[in-house]
Every structure is written in structure tokens, then in C-alpha cells.
Amino acid sequence: MSDVMYVSKEAFEKMREELHHMKTVERPAASRAIAEAREKGDLRENAEYDAAKEAQGILEAKMALLESQIASSRIVEASEIDTSKVSILTKVTITNVATKKTFTYQIVGEKEADLKSGKVSVSSPIGQGLLGKTIGDIAEVKAPTGVLKFKVDNITI
């Protein structure tokens, strides 16, 4: 994972807290589970031991991924955001040209994306289509159903 991942300060802190929890709570618990299973006898026929080792491997892989995400993260401050065009952490009000429905989305990094709360990933089709657009521009978004056109109505923080 060599690409820079842009995140808000809150998302960065949440990732650090999650990693700390994994290291201080989940890793020792996995080690205890392995030790308990090891005490139950022959390791060649011990399914509990195999499951504990597999769980530990999955945890270590998650921790390695999270560490690399933290290392490649760049915190974006609200004061640094240019609202003259759509960029990460901006809130964009758009209108679907065909249906005339209006939506407001915040463009966020992949780690923060949550469509239910109006946060769209910068790498999603909508995020990619809106990136760099200014008020009044028409963004063309490639969707499975075809190309959707959105007019950019407003850009805020």
C-alpha cells in the first residue's frame, strides 16, 4: 500500500486507537488462547490450537494492514481546504440532471466512507467524478446503469 491516504484528524486518531487496542487487548488474548490450547495435549490433533493460531495470524495481518495505512496517512485540516473546487473533506451539494433530485455528500478518504451518513469515498465513482469540479460544472459519473450527470450546486467545508 504505497498510495497516500488522506484522512481527517478524527479518522487518524480512530485508526491509532484501534491499533493500540489490537496490540494491548486482542494480541495478549490470542496468546492466552494459544497457551490454553497448547496445555490440552497433542498439538497434531488439537483443533482448538489450530483455530487459536489461525485467529492470531488474522489479527497480525489486520495489525500490519492498519500500521501501513497509518504510515501512509496524511491528515487534512479543514483550514487547508480550498472550497473553490471539489476536493477531499469538502461537502458538495449536487443535483441529478435527469431526476432533478438534490444530494449533499462529503468527499472523504476510503477509511471514513459511509453512504448512510453522506460520506462518499474519494475513490468511489461519485467521488472520482466530482473531484476537481467547480460550482456550475456537470460531473459525469460512470455507474453500472450508465453515465449519470450531476450539476455541482455548492461546495462547503
N, C-alpha and C. Protein backbone atom coordinates (compact mmCIF):
# COMPACT_ATOMS: atom_id res chain seq x y z
N MET A 1 0.85 -1.19 0.00
CA MET A 1 0.00 0.00 0.00
C MET A 1 0.89 1.24 0.00
N SER A 2 1.18 1.76 -1.17
CA SER A 2 2.09 2.89 -1.27
C SER A 2 1.36 4.21 -1.51
N ASP A 3 0.09 4.15 -1.86
CA ASP A 3 -0.66 5.37 -2.12
C ASP A 3 -0.92 6.13 -0.82
N VAL A 4 -0.88 7.44 -0.92
CA VAL A 4 -1.17 8.28 0.23
C VAL A 4 -2.67 8.22 0.48
N MET A 5 -3.05 8.08 1.75
CA MET A 5 -4.45 8.03 2.13
C MET A 5 -4.75 9.29 2.92
N TYR A 6 -5.64 10.13 2.41
CA TYR A 6 -5.97 11.39 3.07
C TYR A 6 -7.11 11.14 4.05
N VAL A 7 -6.93 11.59 5.29
CA VAL A 7 -7.92 11.37 6.34
C VAL A 7 -8.06 12.62 7.20
N SER A 8 -9.19 12.69 7.89
CA SER A 8 -9.36 13.78 8.86
C SER A 8 -8.61 13.39 10.12
N LYS A 9 -8.38 14.36 10.98
CA LYS A 9 -7.68 14.10 12.25
C LYS A 9 -8.44 13.07 13.08
N GLU A 10 -9.78 13.16 13.07
CA GLU A 10 -10.61 12.23 13.84
C GLU A 10 -10.41 10.80 13.35
N ALA A 11 -10.41 10.60 12.03
CA ALA A 11 -10.24 9.26 11.48
C ALA A 11 -8.84 8.71 11.79
N PHE A 12 -7.83 9.59 11.75
CA PHE A 12 -6.47 9.17 12.06
C PHE A 12 -6.36 8.71 13.51
N GLU A 13 -6.96 9.48 14.42
CA GLU A 13 -6.94 9.11 15.83
C GLU A 13 -7.70 7.80 16.08
N LYS A 14 -8.79 7.61 15.36
CA LYS A 14 -9.56 6.38 15.49
C LYS A 14 -8.73 5.17 15.05
N MET A 15 -7.98 5.32 13.96
CA MET A 15 -7.12 4.23 13.48
C MET A 15 -6.04 3.92 14.52
N ARG A 16 -5.45 4.97 15.11
CA ARG A 16 -4.41 4.75 16.12
C ARG A 16 -4.97 4.06 17.36
N GLU A 17 -6.18 4.45 17.77
CA GLU A 17 -6.82 3.82 18.92
C GLU A 17 -7.13 2.35 18.63
N GLU A 18 -7.59 2.06 17.42
CA GLU A 18 -7.90 0.68 17.03
C GLU A 18 -6.63 -0.18 17.05
N LEU A 19 -5.52 0.36 16.54
CA LEU A 19 -4.26 -0.38 16.55
C LEU A 19 -3.78 -0.61 17.98
N HIS A 20 -3.89 0.41 18.82
CA HIS A 20 -3.48 0.28 20.22
C HIS A 20 -4.31 -0.81 20.91
N HIS A 21 -5.61 -0.84 20.65
CA HIS A 21 -6.49 -1.86 21.23
C HIS A 21 -6.07 -3.25 20.77
N MET A 22 -5.77 -3.37 19.49
CA MET A 22 -5.34 -4.67 18.97
C MET A 22 -4.06 -5.14 19.65
N LYS A 23 -3.12 -4.23 19.84
CA LYS A 23 -1.83 -4.60 20.44
C LYS A 23 -1.92 -4.88 21.93
N THR A 24 -2.74 -4.13 22.65
CA THR A 24 -2.77 -4.25 24.11
C THR A 24 -3.85 -5.19 24.64
N VAL A 25 -4.92 -5.42 23.87
CA VAL A 25 -6.01 -6.26 24.36
C VAL A 25 -6.14 -7.55 23.54
N GLU A 26 -6.27 -7.41 22.22
CA GLU A 26 -6.54 -8.57 21.39
C GLU A 26 -5.32 -9.49 21.23
N ARG A 27 -4.12 -8.93 21.07
CA ARG A 27 -2.93 -9.76 20.91
C ARG A 27 -2.66 -10.61 22.15
N PRO A 28 -2.69 -10.03 23.38
CA PRO A 28 -2.49 -10.86 24.57
C PRO A 28 -3.58 -11.93 24.72
N ALA A 29 -4.81 -11.61 24.34
CA ALA A 29 -5.90 -12.59 24.42
C ALA A 29 -5.65 -13.75 23.47
N ALA A 30 -5.14 -13.44 22.27
CA ALA A 30 -4.82 -14.50 21.31
C ALA A 30 -3.68 -15.38 21.83
N SER A 31 -2.70 -14.78 22.45
CA SER A 31 -1.59 -15.54 23.03
C SER A 31 -2.07 -16.46 24.15
N ARG A 32 -2.98 -15.95 24.99
CA ARG A 32 -3.54 -16.77 26.07
C ARG A 32 -4.33 -17.95 25.52
N ALA A 33 -5.09 -17.71 24.45
CA ALA A 33 -5.88 -18.79 23.85
C ALA A 33 -4.97 -19.88 23.30
N ILE A 34 -3.84 -19.48 22.70
CA ILE A 34 -2.87 -20.46 22.19
C ILE A 34 -2.26 -21.25 23.34
N ALA A 35 -1.90 -20.56 24.40
CA ALA A 35 -1.30 -21.22 25.56
C ALA A 35 -2.28 -22.21 26.19
N GLU A 36 -3.54 -21.82 26.31
CA GLU A 36 -4.55 -22.71 26.89
C GLU A 36 -4.75 -23.95 26.02
N ALA A 37 -4.78 -23.74 24.70
CA ALA A 37 -4.97 -24.87 23.79
C ALA A 37 -3.76 -25.79 23.80
N ARG A 38 -2.57 -25.21 23.95
CA ARG A 38 -1.33 -25.99 23.97
C ARG A 38 -1.30 -26.94 25.18
N GLU A 39 -1.88 -26.49 26.27
CA GLU A 39 -1.90 -27.28 27.51
C GLU A 39 -2.80 -28.51 27.41
N LYS A 40 -3.65 -28.55 26.39
CA LYS A 40 -4.63 -29.63 26.28
C LYS A 40 -4.09 -30.87 25.58
N GLY A 41 -2.79 -30.91 25.29
CA GLY A 41 -2.22 -32.15 24.78
C GLY A 41 -1.62 -32.06 23.39
N ASP A 42 -1.67 -33.17 22.69
CA ASP A 42 -1.03 -33.37 21.39
C ASP A 42 -1.45 -32.28 20.40
N LEU A 43 -0.48 -31.51 19.91
CA LEU A 43 -0.77 -30.39 19.03
C LEU A 43 -1.19 -30.84 17.63
N ARG A 44 -0.81 -32.05 17.23
CA ARG A 44 -1.13 -32.53 15.88
C ARG A 44 -2.63 -32.77 15.72
N GLU A 45 -3.32 -33.07 16.79
CA GLU A 45 -4.75 -33.37 16.71
C GLU A 45 -5.58 -32.39 17.53
N ASN A 46 -5.04 -31.20 17.74
CA ASN A 46 -5.71 -30.23 18.60
C ASN A 46 -6.33 -29.12 17.74
N ALA A 47 -7.63 -29.25 17.46
CA ALA A 47 -8.33 -28.27 16.61
C ALA A 47 -8.39 -26.90 17.28
N GLU A 48 -8.49 -26.89 18.60
CA GLU A 48 -8.55 -25.64 19.34
C GLU A 48 -7.25 -24.85 19.15
N TYR A 49 -6.13 -25.55 19.18
CA TYR A 49 -4.82 -24.92 18.98
C TYR A 49 -4.73 -24.35 17.56
N ASP A 50 -5.16 -25.14 16.56
CA ASP A 50 -5.12 -24.68 15.17
C ASP A 50 -5.98 -23.42 14.98
N ALA A 51 -7.15 -23.42 15.59
CA ALA A 51 -8.05 -22.27 15.48
C ALA A 51 -7.45 -21.04 16.15
N ALA A 52 -6.82 -21.24 17.31
CA ALA A 52 -6.20 -20.11 18.01
C ALA A 52 -5.03 -19.55 17.22
N LYS A 53 -4.24 -20.43 16.60
CA LYS A 53 -3.11 -19.96 15.78
C LYS A 53 -3.62 -19.21 14.54
N GLU A 54 -4.68 -19.72 13.94
CA GLU A 54 -5.26 -19.05 12.77
C GLU A 54 -5.80 -17.68 13.15
N ALA A 55 -6.50 -17.59 14.28
CA ALA A 55 -7.04 -16.31 14.75
C ALA A 55 -5.91 -15.31 15.01
N GLN A 56 -4.79 -15.83 15.58
CA GLN A 56 -3.65 -14.96 15.83
C GLN A 56 -3.06 -14.45 14.51
N GLY A 57 -2.99 -15.31 13.51
CA GLY A 57 -2.47 -14.91 12.20
C GLY A 57 -3.32 -13.83 11.55
N ILE A 58 -4.64 -13.99 11.66
CA ILE A 58 -5.56 -13.00 11.10
C ILE A 58 -5.39 -11.66 11.82
N LEU A 59 -5.28 -11.70 13.14
CA LEU A 59 -5.08 -10.48 13.93
C LEU A 59 -3.78 -9.78 13.53
N GLU A 60 -2.71 -10.55 13.39
CA GLU A 60 -1.42 -9.96 13.00
C GLU A 60 -1.50 -9.34 11.61
N ALA A 61 -2.23 -9.97 10.69
CA ALA A 61 -2.40 -9.41 9.34
C ALA A 61 -3.19 -8.10 9.39
N LYS A 62 -4.25 -8.06 10.20
CA LYS A 62 -5.04 -6.83 10.36
C LYS A 62 -4.18 -5.71 10.94
N MET A 63 -3.35 -6.06 11.93
CA MET A 63 -2.48 -5.06 12.55
C MET A 63 -1.47 -4.53 11.54
N ALA A 64 -0.89 -5.41 10.72
CA ALA A 64 0.08 -4.98 9.72
C ALA A 64 -0.57 -4.05 8.69
N LEU A 65 -1.80 -4.38 8.27
CA LEU A 65 -2.52 -3.53 7.32
C LEU A 65 -2.80 -2.16 7.93
N LEU A 66 -3.27 -2.15 9.17
CA LEU A 66 -3.58 -0.89 9.85
C LEU A 66 -2.32 -0.04 10.05
N GLU A 67 -1.22 -0.69 10.41
CA GLU A 67 0.05 0.04 10.56
C GLU A 67 0.47 0.67 9.24
N SER A 68 0.32 -0.04 8.13
CA SER A 68 0.70 0.54 6.84
C SER A 68 -0.24 1.67 6.44
N GLN A 69 -1.53 1.54 6.79
CA GLN A 69 -2.47 2.62 6.50
C GLN A 69 -2.13 3.87 7.31
N ILE A 70 -1.78 3.68 8.57
CA ILE A 70 -1.40 4.82 9.41
C ILE A 70 -0.13 5.47 8.86
N ALA A 71 0.82 4.64 8.44
CA ALA A 71 2.08 5.18 7.92
C ALA A 71 1.88 5.97 6.63
N SER A 72 0.90 5.58 5.82
CA SER A 72 0.69 6.27 4.55
C SER A 72 -0.40 7.34 4.64
N SER A 73 -0.93 7.57 5.83
CA SER A 73 -1.98 8.57 6.00
C SER A 73 -1.42 9.99 6.08
N ARG A 74 -2.16 10.90 5.52
CA ARG A 74 -1.85 12.32 5.62
C ARG A 74 -3.11 12.99 6.16
N ILE A 75 -2.93 13.74 7.25
CA ILE A 75 -4.07 14.43 7.87
C ILE A 75 -4.37 15.70 7.11
N VAL A 76 -5.64 15.87 6.77
CA VAL A 76 -6.09 17.07 6.07
C VAL A 76 -6.85 17.93 7.07
N GLU A 77 -6.40 19.15 7.25
CA GLU A 77 -7.04 20.10 8.17
C GLU A 77 -8.10 20.90 7.42
N ALA A 78 -9.19 21.20 8.08
CA ALA A 78 -10.29 21.95 7.47
C ALA A 78 -9.82 23.33 6.98
N SER A 79 -8.87 23.94 7.69
CA SER A 79 -8.39 25.27 7.32
C SER A 79 -7.59 25.26 6.02
N GLU A 80 -7.10 24.09 5.59
CA GLU A 80 -6.29 23.98 4.38
C GLU A 80 -7.12 23.68 3.13
N ILE A 81 -8.42 23.49 3.30
CA ILE A 81 -9.27 23.06 2.19
C ILE A 81 -9.69 24.25 1.32
N ASP A 82 -9.53 24.09 0.01
CA ASP A 82 -9.92 25.09 -0.97
C ASP A 82 -11.34 24.76 -1.43
N THR A 83 -12.30 25.63 -1.12
CA THR A 83 -13.69 25.35 -1.48
C THR A 83 -14.08 25.89 -2.86
N SER A 84 -13.10 26.33 -3.64
CA SER A 84 -13.42 26.78 -4.99
C SER A 84 -13.62 25.58 -5.92
N LYS A 85 -13.16 24.40 -5.50
CA LYS A 85 -13.36 23.18 -6.29
C LYS A 85 -13.55 22.01 -5.34
N VAL A 86 -14.11 20.94 -5.86
CA VAL A 86 -14.36 19.75 -5.05
C VAL A 86 -13.03 19.06 -4.75
N SER A 87 -12.78 18.84 -3.45
CA SER A 87 -11.58 18.11 -3.03
C SER A 87 -11.93 17.31 -1.79
N ILE A 88 -10.97 16.59 -1.27
CA ILE A 88 -11.23 15.76 -0.10
C ILE A 88 -11.66 16.63 1.08
N LEU A 89 -12.62 16.14 1.84
CA LEU A 89 -13.25 16.76 3.00
C LEU A 89 -14.19 17.92 2.68
N THR A 90 -14.43 18.20 1.41
CA THR A 90 -15.43 19.22 1.09
C THR A 90 -16.81 18.59 1.07
N LYS A 91 -17.82 19.40 1.38
CA LYS A 91 -19.21 18.96 1.26
C LYS A 91 -19.74 19.53 -0.04
N VAL A 92 -20.31 18.64 -0.85
CA VAL A 92 -20.76 19.03 -2.18
C VAL A 92 -22.25 18.80 -2.31
N THR A 93 -22.97 19.83 -2.71
CA THR A 93 -24.39 19.69 -3.00
C THR A 93 -24.51 19.56 -4.50
N ILE A 94 -25.12 18.44 -4.93
CA ILE A 94 -25.24 18.16 -6.36
C ILE A 94 -26.70 17.88 -6.70
N THR A 95 -27.05 18.10 -7.97
CA THR A 95 -28.38 17.79 -8.46
C THR A 95 -28.25 16.84 -9.63
N ASN A 96 -28.99 15.73 -9.57
CA ASN A 96 -29.01 14.79 -10.68
C ASN A 96 -29.74 15.48 -11.83
N VAL A 97 -29.07 15.61 -12.97
CA VAL A 97 -29.62 16.35 -14.11
C VAL A 97 -30.90 15.68 -14.62
N ALA A 98 -30.94 14.36 -14.62
CA ALA A 98 -32.10 13.64 -15.16
C ALA A 98 -33.30 13.67 -14.21
N THR A 99 -33.07 13.42 -12.92
CA THR A 99 -34.19 13.30 -11.98
C THR A 99 -34.47 14.58 -11.19
N LYS A 100 -33.55 15.54 -11.24
CA LYS A 100 -33.65 16.81 -10.51
C LYS A 100 -33.59 16.62 -8.99
N LYS A 101 -33.16 15.45 -8.52
CA LYS A 101 -33.00 15.23 -7.08
C LYS A 101 -31.68 15.82 -6.63
N THR A 102 -31.70 16.41 -5.42
CA THR A 102 -30.51 17.06 -4.87
C THR A 102 -29.97 16.22 -3.72
N PHE A 103 -28.64 16.09 -3.69
CA PHE A 103 -27.94 15.34 -2.65
C PHE A 103 -26.79 16.18 -2.13
N THR A 104 -26.42 15.95 -0.87
CA THR A 104 -25.22 16.56 -0.32
C THR A 104 -24.33 15.46 0.20
N TYR A 105 -23.09 15.43 -0.29
CA TYR A 105 -22.12 14.42 0.12
C TYR A 105 -20.85 15.11 0.60
N GLN A 106 -20.20 14.46 1.54
CA GLN A 106 -18.86 14.89 1.93
C GLN A 106 -17.89 13.92 1.28
N ILE A 107 -16.87 14.44 0.62
CA ILE A 107 -15.86 13.60 -0.02
C ILE A 107 -14.80 13.28 1.03
N VAL A 108 -14.63 12.00 1.34
CA VAL A 108 -13.71 11.57 2.39
C VAL A 108 -12.78 10.46 1.88
N GLY A 109 -11.80 10.12 2.70
CA GLY A 109 -10.93 9.01 2.38
C GLY A 109 -11.67 7.69 2.51
N GLU A 110 -11.09 6.63 1.96
CA GLU A 110 -11.74 5.32 1.95
C GLU A 110 -12.10 4.83 3.35
N LYS A 111 -11.26 5.12 4.32
CA LYS A 111 -11.45 4.63 5.69
C LYS A 111 -12.67 5.26 6.35
N GLU A 112 -13.07 6.44 5.91
CA GLU A 112 -14.19 7.16 6.55
C GLU A 112 -15.50 7.04 5.79
N ALA A 113 -15.49 6.45 4.61
CA ALA A 113 -16.68 6.40 3.76
C ALA A 113 -17.85 5.72 4.47
N ASP A 114 -19.02 6.35 4.39
CA ASP A 114 -20.24 5.82 4.98
C ASP A 114 -21.41 6.52 4.28
N LEU A 115 -21.98 5.84 3.30
CA LEU A 115 -23.02 6.45 2.47
C LEU A 115 -24.24 6.86 3.29
N LYS A 116 -24.57 6.10 4.33
CA LYS A 116 -25.74 6.42 5.16
C LYS A 116 -25.61 7.78 5.83
N SER A 117 -24.36 8.17 6.17
CA SER A 117 -24.16 9.48 6.79
C SER A 117 -23.68 10.52 5.78
N GLY A 118 -23.82 10.20 4.49
CA GLY A 118 -23.50 11.17 3.44
C GLY A 118 -22.02 11.34 3.17
N LYS A 119 -21.20 10.35 3.53
CA LYS A 119 -19.76 10.43 3.29
C LYS A 119 -19.39 9.46 2.17
N VAL A 120 -18.89 10.02 1.08
CA VAL A 120 -18.55 9.24 -0.11
C VAL A 120 -17.03 9.19 -0.26
N SER A 121 -16.51 8.02 -0.56
CA SER A 121 -15.08 7.84 -0.73
C SER A 121 -14.57 8.60 -1.95
N VAL A 122 -13.40 9.18 -1.81
CA VAL A 122 -12.77 9.91 -2.91
C VAL A 122 -12.47 8.97 -4.08
N SER A 123 -12.33 7.67 -3.80
CA SER A 123 -12.01 6.71 -4.86
C SER A 123 -13.25 6.03 -5.44
N SER A 124 -14.45 6.37 -4.93
CA SER A 124 -15.69 5.81 -5.48
C SER A 124 -15.99 6.49 -6.82
N PRO A 125 -16.87 5.89 -7.62
CA PRO A 125 -17.23 6.53 -8.90
C PRO A 125 -17.75 7.96 -8.73
N ILE A 126 -18.60 8.19 -7.72
CA ILE A 126 -19.12 9.55 -7.50
C ILE A 126 -17.99 10.47 -7.07
N GLY A 127 -17.16 10.02 -6.14
CA GLY A 127 -16.02 10.83 -5.67
C GLY A 127 -15.08 11.17 -6.82
N GLN A 128 -14.76 10.18 -7.64
CA GLN A 128 -13.87 10.41 -8.78
C GLN A 128 -14.49 11.39 -9.77
N GLY A 129 -15.80 11.25 -10.01
CA GLY A 129 -16.48 12.13 -10.97
C GLY A 129 -16.56 13.57 -10.49
N LEU A 130 -16.67 13.76 -9.17
CA LEU A 130 -16.83 15.12 -8.63
C LEU A 130 -15.50 15.82 -8.38
N LEU A 131 -14.45 15.07 -8.15
CA LEU A 131 -13.15 15.64 -7.79
C LEU A 131 -12.68 16.68 -8.81
N GLY A 132 -12.34 17.86 -8.30
CA GLY A 132 -11.81 18.93 -9.16
C GLY A 132 -12.87 19.80 -9.81
N LYS A 133 -14.13 19.44 -9.69
CA LYS A 133 -15.20 20.23 -10.30
C LYS A 133 -15.45 21.50 -9.50
N THR A 134 -15.97 22.52 -10.18
CA THR A 134 -16.31 23.79 -9.53
C THR A 134 -17.82 23.98 -9.60
N ILE A 135 -18.32 24.98 -8.87
CA ILE A 135 -19.77 25.25 -8.87
C ILE A 135 -20.23 25.54 -10.29
N GLY A 136 -21.32 24.86 -10.69
CA GLY A 136 -21.87 25.03 -12.03
C GLY A 136 -21.41 23.96 -13.01
N ASP A 137 -20.33 23.24 -12.69
CA ASP A 137 -19.84 22.17 -13.57
C ASP A 137 -20.81 21.00 -13.58
N ILE A 138 -20.77 20.23 -14.66
CA ILE A 138 -21.52 18.99 -14.76
C ILE A 138 -20.53 17.84 -14.62
N ALA A 139 -20.76 16.99 -13.63
CA ALA A 139 -19.90 15.83 -13.41
C ALA A 139 -20.55 14.61 -14.02
N GLU A 140 -19.79 13.86 -14.80
CA GLU A 140 -20.30 12.63 -15.38
C GLU A 140 -19.74 11.46 -14.57
N VAL A 141 -20.65 10.67 -14.01
CA VAL A 141 -20.27 9.54 -13.17
C VAL A 141 -20.66 8.25 -13.86
N LYS A 142 -19.68 7.38 -14.05
CA LYS A 142 -19.95 6.09 -14.68
C LYS A 142 -20.50 5.14 -13.63
N ALA A 143 -21.73 4.71 -13.83
CA ALA A 143 -22.39 3.78 -12.92
C ALA A 143 -22.74 2.51 -13.71
N PRO A 144 -23.04 1.42 -13.00
CA PRO A 144 -23.41 0.19 -13.71
C PRO A 144 -24.60 0.37 -14.66
N THR A 145 -25.49 1.32 -14.35
CA THR A 145 -26.67 1.55 -15.19
C THR A 145 -26.39 2.52 -16.34
N GLY A 146 -25.18 3.04 -16.43
CA GLY A 146 -24.83 4.00 -17.47
C GLY A 146 -24.17 5.23 -16.86
N VAL A 147 -24.09 6.29 -17.64
CA VAL A 147 -23.46 7.51 -17.17
C VAL A 147 -24.52 8.42 -16.55
N LEU A 148 -24.26 8.83 -15.29
CA LEU A 148 -25.15 9.75 -14.60
C LEU A 148 -24.51 11.13 -14.63
N LYS A 149 -25.33 12.16 -14.81
CA LYS A 149 -24.82 13.53 -14.83
C LYS A 149 -25.33 14.28 -13.60
N PHE A 150 -24.39 14.94 -12.93
CA PHE A 150 -24.70 15.72 -11.74
C PHE A 150 -24.19 17.15 -11.92
N LYS A 151 -25.03 18.12 -11.55
CA LYS A 151 -24.61 19.52 -11.58
C LYS A 151 -24.14 19.88 -10.18
N VAL A 152 -22.96 20.49 -10.07
CA VAL A 152 -22.42 20.90 -8.78
C VAL A 152 -23.09 22.23 -8.40
N ASP A 153 -23.86 22.23 -7.30
CA ASP A 153 -24.60 23.41 -6.88
C ASP A 153 -23.84 24.23 -5.84
N ASN A 154 -23.13 23.54 -4.92
CA ASN A 154 -22.47 24.24 -3.84
C ASN A 154 -21.32 23.41 -3.30
N ILE A 155 -20.28 24.09 -2.82
CA ILE A 155 -19.12 23.43 -2.22
C ILE A 155 -18.81 24.16 -0.91
N THR A 156 -18.84 23.41 0.20
CA THR A 156 -18.53 23.99 1.51
C THR A 156 -17.59 23.05 2.27
N ILE A 157 -17.28 23.47 3.50
CA ILE A 157 -16.45 22.61 4.35
C ILE A 157 -17.33 21.84 5.30
